[in-house]
Amino acid sequence: MKANNEYTKAINWKLFYRNVFALVIPIAIQNLINVGVTATAVIMLGKVGDRMKGEDLGDIDFEEEF
């Protein structure tokens, strides 16, 4: 038990948490940006999907040119 107490006393907790938050905050911001971009893409694709119907796909020419 005494070794455990000496170990916890040796850690500068203020510096430790400052370093942890220095890593956590940019990761959290990147995650929020990723969620925003993904949500925007889903909304835009949903609007395009509403406008595209089966008869619209009939106009696409699938012949390959050789």
N, C-alpha and C. Protein backbone atom coordinates (compact mmCIF):
# COMPACT_ATOMS: atom_id res chain seq x y z
N MET A 1 0.82 -1.20 0.00
CA MET A 1 0.00 0.00 0.00
C MET A 1 0.86 1.26 0.00
N LYS A 2 1.97 1.21 0.68
CA LYS A 2 2.80 2.40 0.76
C LYS A 2 3.36 2.77 -0.62
N ALA A 3 3.71 1.78 -1.44
CA ALA A 3 4.23 2.05 -2.78
C ALA A 3 3.17 2.73 -3.65
N ASN A 4 1.93 2.33 -3.48
CA ASN A 4 0.84 2.93 -4.25
C ASN A 4 0.68 4.40 -3.88
N ASN A 5 0.78 4.73 -2.61
CA ASN A 5 0.66 6.12 -2.18
C ASN A 5 1.82 6.97 -2.70
N GLU A 6 3.03 6.41 -2.71
CA GLU A 6 4.17 7.14 -3.24
C GLU A 6 4.01 7.39 -4.74
N TYR A 7 3.44 6.42 -5.44
CA TYR A 7 3.23 6.57 -6.88
C TYR A 7 2.23 7.68 -7.17
N THR A 8 1.12 7.71 -6.44
CA THR A 8 0.12 8.74 -6.70
C THR A 8 0.61 10.11 -6.29
N LYS A 9 1.48 10.18 -5.33
CA LYS A 9 2.04 11.48 -4.96
C LYS A 9 3.02 11.98 -6.01
N ALA A 10 3.65 11.08 -6.74
CA ALA A 10 4.64 11.47 -7.73
C ALA A 10 3.99 12.03 -9.00
N ILE A 11 2.71 11.74 -9.21
CA ILE A 11 2.04 12.22 -10.42
C ILE A 11 1.54 13.64 -10.19
N ASN A 12 1.86 14.49 -11.13
CA ASN A 12 1.32 15.85 -11.11
C ASN A 12 -0.02 15.80 -11.84
N TRP A 13 -1.11 15.69 -11.09
CA TRP A 13 -2.43 15.47 -11.67
C TRP A 13 -2.89 16.65 -12.52
N LYS A 14 -2.53 17.85 -12.13
CA LYS A 14 -2.91 19.02 -12.92
C LYS A 14 -2.28 18.96 -14.31
N LEU A 15 -1.01 18.62 -14.37
CA LEU A 15 -0.32 18.49 -15.65
C LEU A 15 -0.87 17.31 -16.44
N PHE A 16 -1.17 16.21 -15.74
CA PHE A 16 -1.72 15.03 -16.41
C PHE A 16 -3.05 15.36 -17.09
N TYR A 17 -3.97 15.99 -16.36
CA TYR A 17 -5.27 16.31 -16.94
C TYR A 17 -5.16 17.37 -18.03
N ARG A 18 -4.22 18.29 -17.90
CA ARG A 18 -4.00 19.28 -18.96
C ARG A 18 -3.57 18.57 -20.24
N ASN A 19 -2.68 17.59 -20.13
CA ASN A 19 -2.23 16.83 -21.30
C ASN A 19 -3.34 15.96 -21.87
N VAL A 20 -4.15 15.37 -21.01
CA VAL A 20 -5.27 14.55 -21.49
C VAL A 20 -6.26 15.41 -22.25
N PHE A 21 -6.62 16.55 -21.71
CA PHE A 21 -7.57 17.43 -22.40
C PHE A 21 -6.99 18.02 -23.68
N ALA A 22 -5.67 18.18 -23.71
CA ALA A 22 -5.03 18.65 -24.95
C ALA A 22 -5.22 17.63 -26.07
N LEU A 23 -5.36 16.37 -25.73
CA LEU A 23 -5.64 15.34 -26.73
C LEU A 23 -7.13 15.17 -26.98
N VAL A 24 -7.92 15.26 -25.93
CA VAL A 24 -9.35 14.97 -26.04
C VAL A 24 -10.10 16.06 -26.81
N ILE A 25 -9.79 17.30 -26.60
CA ILE A 25 -10.54 18.39 -27.21
C ILE A 25 -10.42 18.38 -28.75
N PRO A 26 -9.23 18.25 -29.34
CA PRO A 26 -9.18 18.18 -30.81
C PRO A 26 -9.90 16.94 -31.37
N ILE A 27 -9.82 15.82 -30.67
CA ILE A 27 -10.51 14.61 -31.13
C ILE A 27 -12.02 14.84 -31.09
N ALA A 28 -12.52 15.47 -30.04
CA ALA A 28 -13.96 15.75 -29.94
C ALA A 28 -14.41 16.71 -31.04
N ILE A 29 -13.61 17.72 -31.32
CA ILE A 29 -13.96 18.67 -32.38
C ILE A 29 -13.98 17.97 -33.74
N GLN A 30 -12.99 17.10 -33.97
CA GLN A 30 -12.95 16.36 -35.23
C GLN A 30 -14.17 15.46 -35.36
N ASN A 31 -14.58 14.83 -34.27
CA ASN A 31 -15.77 13.99 -34.28
C ASN A 31 -17.02 14.80 -34.61
N LEU A 32 -17.15 15.97 -34.02
CA LEU A 32 -18.31 16.82 -34.30
C LEU A 32 -18.34 17.25 -35.77
N ILE A 33 -17.19 17.58 -36.32
CA ILE A 33 -17.12 17.96 -37.73
C ILE A 33 -17.53 16.76 -38.60
N ASN A 34 -17.03 15.58 -38.25
CA ASN A 34 -17.36 14.38 -39.02
C ASN A 34 -18.86 14.10 -38.97
N VAL A 35 -19.48 14.25 -37.81
CA VAL A 35 -20.93 14.04 -37.69
C VAL A 35 -21.68 15.06 -38.54
N GLY A 36 -21.24 16.30 -38.53
CA GLY A 36 -21.89 17.34 -39.33
C GLY A 36 -21.79 17.07 -40.82
N VAL A 37 -20.62 16.66 -41.29
CA VAL A 37 -20.43 16.38 -42.71
C VAL A 37 -21.26 15.17 -43.12
N THR A 38 -21.27 14.14 -42.29
CA THR A 38 -22.05 12.94 -42.60
C THR A 38 -23.54 13.25 -42.63
N ALA A 39 -24.02 14.02 -41.67
CA ALA A 39 -25.44 14.39 -41.65
C ALA A 39 -25.80 15.21 -42.88
N THR A 40 -24.92 16.12 -43.27
CA THR A 40 -25.18 16.93 -44.47
C THR A 40 -25.23 16.05 -45.71
N ALA A 41 -24.33 15.09 -45.81
CA ALA A 41 -24.31 14.19 -46.96
C ALA A 41 -25.59 13.35 -47.02
N VAL A 42 -26.04 12.88 -45.88
CA VAL A 42 -27.26 12.08 -45.84
C VAL A 42 -28.46 12.91 -46.25
N ILE A 43 -28.54 14.14 -45.77
CA ILE A 43 -29.66 15.02 -46.13
C ILE A 43 -29.65 15.31 -47.63
N MET A 44 -28.45 15.63 -48.17
CA MET A 44 -28.39 15.94 -49.60
C MET A 44 -28.72 14.72 -50.45
N LEU A 45 -28.23 13.55 -50.08
CA LEU A 45 -28.54 12.35 -50.84
C LEU A 45 -30.01 11.99 -50.71
N GLY A 46 -30.61 12.26 -49.58
CA GLY A 46 -32.04 12.02 -49.41
C GLY A 46 -32.86 12.89 -50.34
N LYS A 47 -32.45 14.14 -50.51
CA LYS A 47 -33.17 15.03 -51.43
C LYS A 47 -33.01 14.59 -52.88
N VAL A 48 -31.82 14.14 -53.25
CA VAL A 48 -31.59 13.65 -54.61
C VAL A 48 -32.39 12.38 -54.84
N GLY A 49 -32.44 11.51 -53.86
CA GLY A 49 -33.18 10.26 -53.98
C GLY A 49 -34.66 10.49 -54.15
N ASP A 50 -35.20 11.53 -53.57
CA ASP A 50 -36.62 11.84 -53.73
C ASP A 50 -36.93 12.25 -55.16
N ARG A 51 -36.01 12.96 -55.80
CA ARG A 51 -36.24 13.44 -57.15
C ARG A 51 -36.01 12.37 -58.20
N MET A 52 -35.15 11.40 -57.92
CA MET A 52 -34.88 10.34 -58.90
C MET A 52 -35.94 9.26 -58.79
N LYS A 53 -36.54 8.94 -59.90
CA LYS A 53 -37.54 7.89 -59.95
C LYS A 53 -37.13 6.86 -60.98
N GLY A 54 -37.86 5.80 -61.09
CA GLY A 54 -37.53 4.73 -62.02
C GLY A 54 -37.50 5.19 -63.46
N GLU A 55 -38.42 6.08 -63.84
CA GLU A 55 -38.44 6.52 -65.23
C GLU A 55 -37.26 7.43 -65.56
N ASP A 56 -36.70 8.06 -64.57
CA ASP A 56 -35.51 8.88 -64.80
C ASP A 56 -34.31 7.99 -65.14
N LEU A 57 -34.26 6.81 -64.55
CA LEU A 57 -33.14 5.92 -64.81
C LEU A 57 -33.21 5.32 -66.20
N GLY A 58 -34.38 5.33 -66.85
CA GLY A 58 -34.51 4.78 -68.19
C GLY A 58 -33.80 5.61 -69.23
N ASP A 59 -33.49 6.86 -68.95
CA ASP A 59 -32.82 7.72 -69.91
C ASP A 59 -31.31 7.51 -69.94
N ILE A 60 -30.77 6.74 -69.02
CA ILE A 60 -29.32 6.54 -68.95
C ILE A 60 -28.92 5.51 -70.01
N ASP A 61 -27.89 5.86 -70.80
CA ASP A 61 -27.41 4.97 -71.86
C ASP A 61 -26.26 4.13 -71.29
N PHE A 62 -26.48 2.82 -71.22
CA PHE A 62 -25.49 1.94 -70.62
C PHE A 62 -24.58 1.29 -71.66
N GLU A 63 -24.65 1.69 -72.92
CA GLU A 63 -23.81 1.09 -73.95
C GLU A 63 -22.38 1.58 -73.81
N GLU A 64 -21.47 0.65 -74.00
CA GLU A 64 -20.06 1.01 -73.92
C GLU A 64 -19.53 1.29 -75.31
N GLU A 65 -18.66 2.25 -75.42
CA GLU A 65 -18.04 2.57 -76.70
C GLU A 65 -16.70 1.88 -76.78
N PHE A 66 -16.48 1.18 -77.91
CA PHE A 66 -15.22 0.48 -78.08
C PHE A 66 -14.39 1.14 -79.13
